[in-house]
Amino acid sequence: MEHRKAKKIFTNYLFVLPAILLFCTFHLYPFINVFRYSLFQWDGIVPFSSAQFIGLAHFKDIFTSNPQWWYSMWHAFYITLLTLVFQNGLALILALACDRAIRGAQAYRMIFFLPPVLSGIVVGLIWQWIYDGNYGLLNYWLTSIGFGHLARAWLADPKTALTCVGIVHMWKGFGWGFIILLAGLQSIPRELYEAAKVDGAGAWDTFRRVTVPLMVPVFVLVMILTILNTMQIYDLIVSLTGGGPGYHTEVPITRILAAMRGGSRLGYACALGIVFGLILLLVSFIQIQASKLAKQE
């Protein structure tokens, strides 16, 4: 009996082994190496044996002498906040609309999911033309309706560039949030809505007392994915502004790549990557814990 039990456990582990090997090869081993490189002054070109060990000096510099890095973090947090509020709000409204038995619901689903599958570089180039200060569609439209005084070089103005990037990111990304939220709404048993209607609950009460409690796990998933995706925004930044004007649209990924290109700075770039990863883990952990507390209440 014990032999059969041990054999069954061994067989189960064999099925899991490929996933463990993949995780160790493509996640655990690279992370260990990145941390090791962060302790050295190294350009990534000469043999690593000639790299200079400097301990935690890179991490000290990040927290004490690198304001540009923290400005880039603030830019990413700003776009993330916009995305959490407006992108996910729009996705929820559209998901609620398509969850009802409306004509053309299937077509709407396909249209709403189209922007996320487009290339970020292509989307950035299209919106760069829309925002163009001289021949842009946005300025033309504002002028045609009598608001020409608002026209400007949107991506070249430090006051508007970051918000404009956030708008493009929200337009491109709301579709996947819409799909996830719609799937969550359709998993709610219809009988609950019918029971609420029989009890005399209105649309708002039904949404607040039936839909929201059952959708909390889906909301948490969408919010975590939104944070992780938005904090790592890169392709739209490159195609829209390149991080400019000045450093006003720099984000963590662009700062890490800038450090890698800065000569003898691969170790510093690795340290930036570790700090960035830990911040993302911390934010996700806080959000998960907050959702658990909310469900308990």
C-alpha atoms as a PDB file:
ATOM      1  CA  MET A   1       0.000   0.000   0.000  1.00  0.00           C
ATOM      2  CA  GLU A   2       2.766   2.427   0.966  1.00  0.00           C
ATOM      3  CA  HIS A   3       4.646   1.502  -2.202  1.00  0.00           C
ATOM      4  CA  ARG A   4       1.629   2.324  -4.373  1.00  0.00           C
ATOM      5  CA  LYS A   5       1.118   5.621  -2.549  1.00  0.00           C
ATOM      6  CA  ALA A   6       4.783   6.612  -3.027  1.00  0.00           C
ATOM      7  CA  LYS A   7       4.587   5.638  -6.690  1.00  0.00           C
ATOM      8  CA  LYS A   8       1.482   7.786  -7.158  1.00  0.00           C
ATOM      9  CA  ILE A   9       3.155  10.794  -5.510  1.00  0.00           C
ATOM     10  CA  PHE A  10       6.245  10.295  -7.677  1.00  0.00           C
ATOM     11  CA  THR A  11       4.082  10.125 -10.800  1.00  0.00           C
ATOM     12  CA  ASN A  12       2.297  13.326  -9.830  1.00  0.00           C
ATOM     13  CA  TYR A  13       5.605  15.120  -9.400  1.00  0.00           C
ATOM     14  CA  LEU A  14       6.705  13.922 -12.824  1.00  0.00           C
ATOM     15  CA  PHE A  15       3.740  15.729 -14.352  1.00  0.00           C
ATOM     16  CA  VAL A  16       4.699  18.936 -12.507  1.00  0.00           C
ATOM     17  CA  LEU A  17       8.417  18.611 -13.305  1.00  0.00           C
ATOM     18  CA  PRO A  18       8.292  20.269 -16.766  1.00  0.00           C
ATOM     19  CA  ALA A  19       6.610  23.350 -15.293  1.00  0.00           C
ATOM     20  CA  ILE A  20       9.168  23.478 -12.466  1.00  0.00           C
ATOM     21  CA  LEU A  21      12.047  23.216 -14.952  1.00  0.00           C
ATOM     22  CA  LEU A  22      10.589  26.001 -17.081  1.00  0.00           C
ATOM     23  CA  PHE A  23      10.097  28.211 -14.032  1.00  0.00           C
ATOM     24  CA  CYS A  24      13.649  27.623 -12.795  1.00  0.00           C
ATOM     25  CA  THR A  25      15.165  28.142 -16.237  1.00  0.00           C
ATOM     26  CA  PHE A  26      13.306  31.259 -17.336  1.00  0.00           C
ATOM     27  CA  HIS A  27      12.405  32.903 -14.004  1.00  0.00           C
ATOM     28  CA  LEU A  28      14.423  31.768 -11.008  1.00  0.00           C
ATOM     29  CA  TYR A  29      17.852  31.461 -12.641  1.00  0.00           C
ATOM     30  CA  PRO A  30      17.621  34.825 -14.479  1.00  0.00           C
ATOM     31  CA  PHE A  31      16.475  36.551 -11.276  1.00  0.00           C
ATOM     32  CA  ILE A  32      19.435  35.161  -9.333  1.00  0.00           C
ATOM     33  CA  ASN A  33      21.798  36.257 -12.085  1.00  0.00           C
ATOM     34  CA  VAL A  34      20.258  39.746 -12.263  1.00  0.00           C
ATOM     35  CA  PHE A  35      20.725  40.166  -8.514  1.00  0.00           C
ATOM     36  CA  ARG A  36      24.327  38.935  -8.806  1.00  0.00           C
ATOM     37  CA  TYR A  37      25.066  41.384 -11.621  1.00  0.00           C
ATOM     38  CA  SER A  38      23.567  44.240  -9.601  1.00  0.00           C
ATOM     39  CA  LEU A  39      26.378  43.857  -7.083  1.00  0.00           C
ATOM     40  CA  PHE A  40      29.054  44.559  -9.695  1.00  0.00           C
ATOM     41  CA  GLN A  41      30.239  47.428 -11.867  1.00  0.00           C
ATOM     42  CA  TRP A  42      30.026  45.782 -15.286  1.00  0.00           C
ATOM     43  CA  ASP A  43      29.311  46.842 -18.852  1.00  0.00           C
ATOM     44  CA  GLY A  44      28.000  43.450 -20.015  1.00  0.00           C
ATOM     45  CA  ILE A  45      30.653  43.200 -22.741  1.00  0.00           C
ATOM     46  CA  VAL A  46      33.945  42.316 -21.073  1.00  0.00           C
ATOM     47  CA  PRO A  47      34.144  38.941 -19.278  1.00  0.00           C
ATOM     48  CA  PHE A  48      32.234  38.998 -16.017  1.00  0.00           C
ATOM     49  CA  SER A  49      35.362  37.774 -14.212  1.00  0.00           C
ATOM     50  CA  SER A  50      36.867  41.243 -14.675  1.00  0.00           C
ATOM     51  CA  ALA A  51      33.826  43.049 -13.209  1.00  0.00           C
ATOM     52  CA  GLN A  52      34.355  45.112 -10.054  1.00  0.00           C
ATOM     53  CA  PHE A  53      32.412  44.076  -6.960  1.00  0.00           C
ATOM     54  CA  ILE A  54      30.751  47.094  -5.303  1.00  0.00           C
ATOM     55  CA  GLY A  55      28.147  45.423  -3.079  1.00  0.00           C
ATOM     56  CA  LEU A  56      24.921  47.384  -2.548  1.00  0.00           C
ATOM     57  CA  ALA A  57      26.316  50.684  -3.878  1.00  0.00           C
ATOM     58  CA  HIS A  58      23.925  50.674  -6.825  1.00  0.00           C
ATOM     59  CA  PHE A  59      20.900  50.309  -4.556  1.00  0.00           C
ATOM     60  CA  LYS A  60      22.151  53.104  -2.312  1.00  0.00           C
ATOM     61  CA  ASP A  61      22.509  55.382  -5.323  1.00  0.00           C
ATOM     62  CA  ILE A  62      18.989  54.559  -6.529  1.00  0.00           C
ATOM     63  CA  PHE A  63      17.422  55.559  -3.205  1.00  0.00           C
ATOM     64  CA  THR A  64      19.589  58.602  -2.515  1.00  0.00           C
ATOM     65  CA  SER A  65      20.968  60.074  -5.743  1.00  0.00           C
ATOM     66  CA  ASN A  66      18.670  59.240  -8.652  1.00  0.00           C
ATOM     67  CA  PRO A  67      15.671  61.609  -8.745  1.00  0.00           C
ATOM     68  CA  GLN A  68      15.044  60.860 -12.421  1.00  0.00           C
ATOM     69  CA  TRP A  69      14.225  57.258 -11.519  1.00  0.00           C
ATOM     70  CA  TRP A  70      11.603  58.325  -8.994  1.00  0.00           C
ATOM     71  CA  TYR A  71      10.177  60.869 -11.432  1.00  0.00           C
ATOM     72  CA  SER A  72       9.735  58.015 -13.909  1.00  0.00           C
ATOM     73  CA  MET A  73       8.019  55.974 -11.183  1.00  0.00           C
ATOM     74  CA  TRP A  74       5.637  58.852 -10.531  1.00  0.00           C
ATOM     75  CA  HIS A  75       4.852  59.087 -14.264  1.00  0.00           C
ATOM     76  CA  ALA A  76       4.021  55.362 -14.334  1.00  0.00           C
ATOM     77  CA  PHE A  77       1.856  55.684 -11.200  1.00  0.00           C
ATOM     78  CA  TYR A  78       0.028  58.652 -12.738  1.00  0.00           C
ATOM     79  CA  ILE A  79      -0.820  56.736 -15.916  1.00  0.00           C
ATOM     80  CA  THR A  80      -1.787  53.723 -13.790  1.00  0.00           C
ATOM     81  CA  LEU A  81      -4.172  55.834 -11.702  1.00  0.00           C
ATOM     82  CA  LEU A  82      -5.821  57.198 -14.844  1.00  0.00           C
ATOM     83  CA  THR A  83      -6.117  53.682 -16.210  1.00  0.00           C
ATOM     84  CA  LEU A  84      -7.582  52.200 -13.023  1.00  0.00           C
ATOM     85  CA  VAL A  85     -10.269  54.865 -12.832  1.00  0.00           C
ATOM     86  CA  PHE A  86     -11.217  55.705 -16.404  1.00  0.00           C
ATOM     87  CA  GLN A  87     -10.157  52.686 -18.478  1.00  0.00           C
ATOM     88  CA  ASN A  88     -11.621  50.115 -16.102  1.00  0.00           C
ATOM     89  CA  GLY A  89     -14.675  52.288 -15.490  1.00  0.00           C
ATOM     90  CA  LEU A  90     -15.362  52.428 -19.215  1.00  0.00           C
ATOM     91  CA  ALA A  91     -14.686  48.698 -19.558  1.00  0.00           C
ATOM     92  CA  LEU A  92     -17.198  47.943 -16.780  1.00  0.00           C
ATOM     93  CA  ILE A  93     -19.894  50.159 -18.317  1.00  0.00           C
ATOM     94  CA  LEU A  94     -19.466  48.533 -21.723  1.00  0.00           C
ATOM     95  CA  ALA A  95     -19.393  45.051 -20.175  1.00  0.00           C
ATOM     96  CA  LEU A  96     -22.651  45.755 -18.323  1.00  0.00           C
ATOM     97  CA  ALA A  97     -24.206  46.987 -21.566  1.00  0.00           C
ATOM     98  CA  CYS A  98     -23.106  43.936 -23.567  1.00  0.00           C
ATOM     99  CA  ASP A  99     -24.159  41.582 -20.773  1.00  0.00           C
ATOM    100  CA  ARG A 100     -27.741  42.547 -21.514  1.00  0.00           C
ATOM    101  CA  ALA A 101     -29.611  41.043 -24.435  1.00  0.00           C
ATOM    102  CA  ILE A 102     -28.909  43.892 -26.899  1.00  0.00           C
ATOM    103  CA  ARG A 103     -28.757  43.700 -30.668  1.00  0.00           C
ATOM    104  CA  GLY A 104     -25.279  43.368 -32.132  1.00  0.00           C
ATOM    105  CA  ALA A 105     -23.645  42.366 -28.836  1.00  0.00           C
ATOM    106  CA  GLN A 106     -21.257  39.985 -30.593  1.00  0.00           C
ATOM    107  CA  ALA A 107     -20.159  42.704 -33.010  1.00  0.00           C
ATOM    108  CA  TYR A 108     -19.579  45.131 -30.161  1.00  0.00           C
ATOM    109  CA  ARG A 109     -17.415  42.580 -28.363  1.00  0.00           C
ATOM    110  CA  MET A 110     -15.222  42.165 -31.423  1.00  0.00           C
ATOM    111  CA  ILE A 111     -14.928  45.912 -31.982  1.00  0.00           C
ATOM    112  CA  PHE A 112     -14.072  46.656 -28.344  1.00  0.00           C
ATOM    113  CA  PHE A 113     -11.364  43.989 -28.311  1.00  0.00           C
ATOM    114  CA  LEU A 114      -9.729  45.247 -31.507  1.00  0.00           C
ATOM    115  CA  PRO A 115      -7.449  47.971 -29.999  1.00  0.00           C
ATOM    116  CA  PRO A 116      -5.608  45.633 -27.570  1.00  0.00           C
ATOM    117  CA  VAL A 117      -4.494  43.314 -30.383  1.00  0.00           C
ATOM    118  CA  LEU A 118      -2.990  46.154 -32.425  1.00  0.00           C
ATOM    119  CA  SER A 119       0.743  46.765 -32.276  1.00  0.00           C
ATOM    120  CA  GLY A 120       1.697  49.366 -29.682  1.00  0.00           C
ATOM    121  CA  ILE A 121       4.170  50.952 -32.091  1.00  0.00           C
ATOM    122  CA  VAL A 122       1.519  51.277 -34.815  1.00  0.00           C
ATOM    123  CA  VAL A 123      -1.005  52.718 -32.356  1.00  0.00           C
ATOM    124  CA  GLY A 124       1.607  55.191 -31.121  1.00  0.00           C
ATOM    125  CA  LEU A 125       2.427  56.383 -34.632  1.00  0.00           C
ATOM    126  CA  ILE A 126      -1.265  56.861 -35.472  1.00  0.00           C
ATOM    127  CA  TRP A 127      -1.919  58.863 -32.321  1.00  0.00           C
ATOM    128  CA  GLN A 128       1.276  60.847 -32.856  1.00  0.00           C
ATOM    129  CA  TRP A 129      -0.307  62.089 -36.084  1.00  0.00           C
ATOM    130  CA  ILE A 130      -3.583  62.840 -34.263  1.00  0.00           C
ATOM    131  CA  TYR A 131      -1.711  64.892 -31.625  1.00  0.00           C
ATOM    132  CA  ASP A 132       0.588  66.639 -34.127  1.00  0.00           C
ATOM    133  CA  GLY A 133       0.816  70.351 -33.395  1.00  0.00           C
ATOM    134  CA  ASN A 134       0.820  71.449 -37.054  1.00  0.00           C
ATOM    135  CA  TYR A 135      -1.283  68.957 -39.012  1.00  0.00           C
ATOM    136  CA  GLY A 136      -2.878  66.885 -36.271  1.00  0.00           C
ATOM    137  CA  LEU A 137      -6.488  65.767 -36.441  1.00  0.00           C
ATOM    138  CA  LEU A 138      -7.178  66.873 -32.864  1.00  0.00           C
ATOM    139  CA  ASN A 139      -6.125  70.473 -33.484  1.00  0.00           C
ATOM    140  CA  TYR A 140      -8.070  70.522 -36.757  1.00  0.00           C
ATOM    141  CA  TRP A 141     -11.192  69.293 -34.989  1.00  0.00           C
ATOM    142  CA  LEU A 142     -10.820  71.830 -32.154  1.00  0.00           C
ATOM    143  CA  THR A 143     -10.414  74.658 -34.658  1.00  0.00           C
ATOM    144  CA  SER A 144     -13.429  73.548 -36.694  1.00  0.00           C
ATOM    145  CA  ILE A 145     -15.760  73.738 -33.662  1.00  0.00           C
ATOM    146  CA  GLY A 146     -14.459  77.113 -32.487  1.00  0.00           C
ATOM    147  CA  PHE A 147     -11.924  76.038 -29.865  1.00  0.00           C
ATOM    148  CA  GLY A 148      -8.809  76.824 -31.864  1.00  0.00           C
ATOM    149  CA  HIS A 149      -7.290  78.625 -28.874  1.00  0.00           C
ATOM    150  CA  LEU A 150      -6.875  75.206 -27.209  1.00  0.00           C
ATOM    151  CA  ALA A 151      -4.772  73.836 -30.080  1.00  0.00           C
ATOM    152  CA  ARG A 152      -1.170  73.081 -29.216  1.00  0.00           C
ATOM    153  CA  ALA A 153       1.677  70.637 -29.778  1.00  0.00           C
ATOM    154  CA  TRP A 154       0.177  68.138 -27.372  1.00  0.00           C
ATOM    155  CA  LEU A 155       3.128  65.744 -27.115  1.00  0.00           C
ATOM    156  CA  ALA A 156       5.729  68.528 -27.006  1.00  0.00           C
ATOM    157  CA  ASP A 157       4.061  70.399 -24.136  1.00  0.00           C
ATOM    158  CA  PRO A 158       5.247  69.212 -20.693  1.00  0.00           C
ATOM    159  CA  LYS A 159       1.822  70.076 -19.248  1.00  0.00           C
ATOM    160  CA  THR A 160      -0.105  67.742 -21.552  1.00  0.00           C
ATOM    161  CA  ALA A 161       2.343  65.112 -22.854  1.00  0.00           C
ATOM    162  CA  LEU A 162       1.975  62.591 -20.023  1.00  0.00           C
ATOM    163  CA  THR A 163      -1.822  62.815 -19.933  1.00  0.00           C
ATOM    164  CA  CYS A 164      -1.949  62.385 -23.717  1.00  0.00           C
ATOM    165  CA  VAL A 165       0.145  59.222 -23.417  1.00  0.00           C
ATOM    166  CA  GLY A 166      -2.230  57.987 -20.705  1.00  0.00           C
ATOM    167  CA  ILE A 167      -5.253  58.587 -22.959  1.00  0.00           C
ATOM    168  CA  VAL A 168      -3.684  56.517 -25.752  1.00  0.00           C
ATOM    169  CA  HIS A 169      -2.813  53.744 -23.309  1.00  0.00           C
ATOM    170  CA  MET A 170      -6.399  53.683 -22.001  1.00  0.00           C
ATOM    171  CA  TRP A 171      -7.842  53.600 -25.521  1.00  0.00           C
ATOM    172  CA  LYS A 172      -5.607  50.703 -26.460  1.00  0.00           C
ATOM    173  CA  GLY A 173      -6.063  48.701 -23.266  1.00  0.00           C
ATOM    174  CA  PHE A 174      -9.709  48.931 -22.228  1.00  0.00           C
ATOM    175  CA  GLY A 175     -10.693  46.006 -24.486  1.00  0.00           C
ATOM    176  CA  TRP A 176      -9.015  43.245 -22.486  1.00  0.00           C
ATOM    177  CA  GLY A 177     -10.521  44.576 -19.245  1.00  0.00           C
ATOM    178  CA  PHE A 178     -13.890  44.602 -21.006  1.00  0.00           C
ATOM    179  CA  ILE A 179     -13.523  40.938 -22.019  1.00  0.00           C
ATOM    180  CA  ILE A 180     -12.535  39.793 -18.506  1.00  0.00           C
ATOM    181  CA  LEU A 181     -15.300  41.788 -16.832  1.00  0.00           C
ATOM    182  CA  LEU A 182     -17.874  40.547 -19.342  1.00  0.00           C
ATOM    183  CA  ALA A 183     -16.824  36.946 -18.691  1.00  0.00           C
ATOM    184  CA  GLY A 184     -17.239  37.564 -14.953  1.00  0.00           C
ATOM    185  CA  LEU A 185     -20.684  39.087 -15.419  1.00  0.00           C
ATOM    186  CA  GLN A 186     -21.841  36.175 -17.541  1.00  0.00           C
ATOM    187  CA  SER A 187     -20.730  33.707 -14.866  1.00  0.00           C
ATOM    188  CA  ILE A 188     -23.263  35.158 -12.388  1.00  0.00           C
ATOM    189  CA  PRO A 189     -26.376  32.945 -12.274  1.00  0.00           C
ATOM    190  CA  ARG A 190     -29.356  34.701 -13.872  1.00  0.00           C
ATOM    191  CA  GLU A 191     -31.578  33.308 -11.130  1.00  0.00           C
ATOM    192  CA  LEU A 192     -30.057  35.778  -8.663  1.00  0.00           C
ATOM    193  CA  TYR A 193     -31.151  38.710 -10.793  1.00  0.00           C
ATOM    194  CA  GLU A 194     -34.623  37.254 -11.158  1.00  0.00           C
ATOM    195  CA  ALA A 195     -34.867  36.760  -7.387  1.00  0.00           C
ATOM    196  CA  ALA A 196     -33.760  40.347  -6.790  1.00  0.00           C
ATOM    197  CA  LYS A 197     -36.362  41.581  -9.251  1.00  0.00           C
ATOM    198  CA  VAL A 198     -39.079  39.565  -7.509  1.00  0.00           C
ATOM    199  CA  ASP A 199     -38.022  41.114  -4.183  1.00  0.00           C
ATOM    200  CA  GLY A 200     -38.542  44.556  -5.691  1.00  0.00           C
ATOM    201  CA  ALA A 201     -34.884  45.550  -6.024  1.00  0.00           C
ATOM    202  CA  GLY A 202     -34.162  48.256  -8.570  1.00  0.00           C
ATOM    203  CA  ALA A 203     -31.298  48.287 -11.049  1.00  0.00           C
ATOM    204  CA  TRP A 204     -28.923  50.104  -8.681  1.00  0.00           C
ATOM    205  CA  ASP A 205     -29.715  47.874  -5.689  1.00  0.00           C
ATOM    206  CA  THR A 206     -29.277  44.776  -7.846  1.00  0.00           C
ATOM    207  CA  PHE A 207     -25.913  46.018  -9.056  1.00  0.00           C
ATOM    208  CA  ARG A 208     -24.766  46.968  -5.555  1.00  0.00           C
ATOM    209  CA  ARG A 209     -26.001  43.898  -3.686  1.00  0.00           C
ATOM    210  CA  VAL A 210     -25.719  41.153  -6.318  1.00  0.00           C
ATOM    211  CA  THR A 211     -23.269  42.086  -9.056  1.00  0.00           C
ATOM    212  CA  VAL A 212     -20.557  43.841  -7.058  1.00  0.00           C
ATOM    213  CA  PRO A 213     -20.073  41.212  -4.286  1.00  0.00           C
ATOM    214  CA  LEU A 214     -19.867  38.388  -6.820  1.00  0.00           C
ATOM    215  CA  MET A 215     -17.532  40.368  -9.087  1.00  0.00           C
ATOM    216  CA  VAL A 216     -14.966  41.288  -6.408  1.00  0.00           C
ATOM    217  CA  PRO A 217     -12.471  38.539  -7.444  1.00  0.00           C
ATOM    218  CA  VAL A 218     -12.773  39.659 -11.071  1.00  0.00           C
ATOM    219  CA  PHE A 219     -12.311  43.317 -10.109  1.00  0.00           C
ATOM    220  CA  VAL A 220      -9.166  42.405  -8.171  1.00  0.00           C
ATOM    221  CA  LEU A 221      -7.784  40.414 -11.103  1.00  0.00           C
ATOM    222  CA  VAL A 222      -8.429  43.258 -13.547  1.00  0.00           C
ATOM    223  CA  MET A 223      -6.876  45.827 -11.205  1.00  0.00           C
ATOM    224  CA  ILE A 224      -3.733  43.762 -10.638  1.00  0.00           C
ATOM    225  CA  LEU A 225      -3.319  43.101 -14.356  1.00  0.00           C
ATOM    226  CA  THR A 226      -3.910  46.802 -15.038  1.00  0.00           C
ATOM    227  CA  ILE A 227      -1.211  47.841 -12.583  1.00  0.00           C
ATOM    228  CA  LEU A 228       1.337  45.323 -13.842  1.00  0.00           C
ATOM    229  CA  ASN A 229       0.637  46.134 -17.486  1.00  0.00           C
ATOM    230  CA  THR A 230       0.588  49.920 -17.107  1.00  0.00           C
ATOM    231  CA  MET A 231       3.624  50.170 -14.854  1.00  0.00           C
ATOM    232  CA  GLN A 232       5.589  48.339 -17.553  1.00  0.00           C
ATOM    233  CA  ILE A 233       4.405  50.576 -20.407  1.00  0.00           C
ATOM    234  CA  TYR A 234       7.143  51.027 -23.002  1.00  0.00           C
ATOM    235  CA  ASP A 235       6.171  50.696 -26.674  1.00  0.00           C
ATOM    236  CA  LEU A 236       3.693  53.601 -26.598  1.00  0.00           C
ATOM    237  CA  ILE A 237       6.257  55.821 -24.872  1.00  0.00           C
ATOM    238  CA  VAL A 238       8.869  55.047 -27.512  1.00  0.00           C
ATOM    239  CA  SER A 239       6.544  55.610 -30.465  1.00  0.00           C
ATOM    240  CA  LEU A 240       4.775  58.685 -29.058  1.00  0.00           C
ATOM    241  CA  THR A 241       7.389  60.759 -27.227  1.00  0.00           C
ATOM    242  CA  GLY A 242      10.590  58.768 -26.754  1.00  0.00           C
ATOM    243  CA  GLY A 243      10.435  59.870 -23.107  1.00  0.00           C
ATOM    244  CA  GLY A 244      10.312  63.573 -23.930  1.00  0.00           C
ATOM    245  CA  PRO A 245       9.865  66.447 -23.827  1.00  0.00           C
ATOM    246  CA  GLY A 246      12.857  66.411 -21.537  1.00  0.00           C
ATOM    247  CA  TYR A 247      12.113  63.670 -19.028  1.00  0.00           C
ATOM    248  CA  HIS A 248       8.410  64.437 -18.696  1.00  0.00           C
ATOM    249  CA  THR A 249       7.179  61.095 -20.058  1.00  0.00           C
ATOM    250  CA  GLU A 250      10.017  58.862 -18.884  1.00  0.00           C
ATOM    251  CA  VAL A 251       8.852  55.604 -17.275  1.00  0.00           C
ATOM    252  CA  PRO A 252      10.817  52.939 -15.360  1.00  0.00           C
ATOM    253  CA  ILE A 253      11.441  50.713 -18.386  1.00  0.00           C
ATOM    254  CA  THR A 254      12.928  53.581 -20.395  1.00  0.00           C
ATOM    255  CA  ARG A 255      15.166  54.518 -17.455  1.00  0.00           C
ATOM    256  CA  ILE A 256      16.383  50.922 -17.129  1.00  0.00           C
ATOM    257  CA  LEU A 257      17.206  50.781 -20.839  1.00  0.00           C
ATOM    258  CA  ALA A 258      18.926  54.160 -20.614  1.00  0.00           C
ATOM    259  CA  ALA A 259      21.104  52.800 -17.805  1.00  0.00           C
ATOM    260  CA  MET A 260      22.002  49.754 -19.918  1.00  0.00           C
ATOM    261  CA  ARG A 261      23.152  52.039 -22.731  1.00  0.00           C
ATOM    262  CA  GLY A 262      25.093  54.283 -20.384  1.00  0.00           C
ATOM    263  CA  GLY A 263      28.412  52.399 -20.546  1.00  0.00           C
ATOM    264  CA  SER A 264      29.593  50.151 -17.685  1.00  0.00           C
ATOM    265  CA  ARG A 265      26.062  50.397 -16.273  1.00  0.00           C
ATOM    266  CA  LEU A 266      24.568  46.962 -16.817  1.00  0.00           C
ATOM    267  CA  GLY A 267      24.910  46.233 -13.105  1.00  0.00           C
ATOM    268  CA  TYR A 268      23.110  49.489 -12.320  1.00  0.00           C
ATOM    269  CA  ALA A 269      20.327  48.596 -14.775  1.00  0.00           C
ATOM    270  CA  CYS A 270      19.950  45.224 -13.035  1.00  0.00           C
ATOM    271  CA  ALA A 271      19.612  46.995  -9.689  1.00  0.00           C
ATOM    272  CA  LEU A 272      16.916  49.258 -11.150  1.00  0.00           C
ATOM    273  CA  GLY A 273      15.082  46.198 -12.454  1.00  0.00           C
ATOM    274  CA  ILE A 274      15.140  44.532  -9.027  1.00  0.00           C
ATOM    275  CA  VAL A 275      13.831  47.658  -7.286  1.00  0.00           C
ATOM    276  CA  PHE A 276      11.112  47.989  -9.910  1.00  0.00           C
ATOM    277  CA  GLY A 277      10.097  44.338  -9.574  1.00  0.00           C
ATOM    278  CA  LEU A 278       9.909  44.578  -5.793  1.00  0.00           C
ATOM    279  CA  ILE A 279       7.715  47.682  -6.044  1.00  0.00           C
ATOM    280  CA  LEU A 280       5.316  45.837  -8.360  1.00  0.00           C
ATOM    281  CA  LEU A 281       5.204  42.877  -5.973  1.00  0.00           C
ATOM    282  CA  LEU A 282       4.517  45.167  -3.026  1.00  0.00           C
ATOM    283  CA  VAL A 283       1.699  46.996  -4.809  1.00  0.00           C
ATOM    284  CA  SER A 284       0.096  43.706  -5.893  1.00  0.00           C
ATOM    285  CA  PHE A 285       0.394  42.269  -2.371  1.00  0.00           C
ATOM    286  CA  ILE A 286      -1.232  45.350  -0.812  1.00  0.00           C
ATOM    287  CA  GLN A 287      -4.060  45.200  -3.320  1.00  0.00           C
ATOM    288  CA  ILE A 288      -4.715  41.507  -2.697  1.00  0.00           C
ATOM    289  CA  GLN A 289      -4.748  42.018   1.067  1.00  0.00           C
ATOM    290  CA  ALA A 290      -7.070  45.006   0.758  1.00  0.00           C
ATOM    291  CA  SER A 291      -9.473  42.942  -1.368  1.00  0.00           C
ATOM    292  CA  LYS A 292      -9.489  40.173   1.259  1.00  0.00           C
ATOM    293  CA  LEU A 293     -10.345  42.686   3.992  1.00  0.00           C
ATOM    294  CA  ALA A 294     -13.110  44.133   1.821  1.00  0.00           C
ATOM    295  CA  LYS A 295     -14.644  40.682   1.293  1.00  0.00           C
ATOM    296  CA  GLN A 296     -14.529  39.939   5.041  1.00  0.00           C
ATOM    297  CA  GLU A 297     -16.467  43.098   5.763  1.00  0.00           C
END
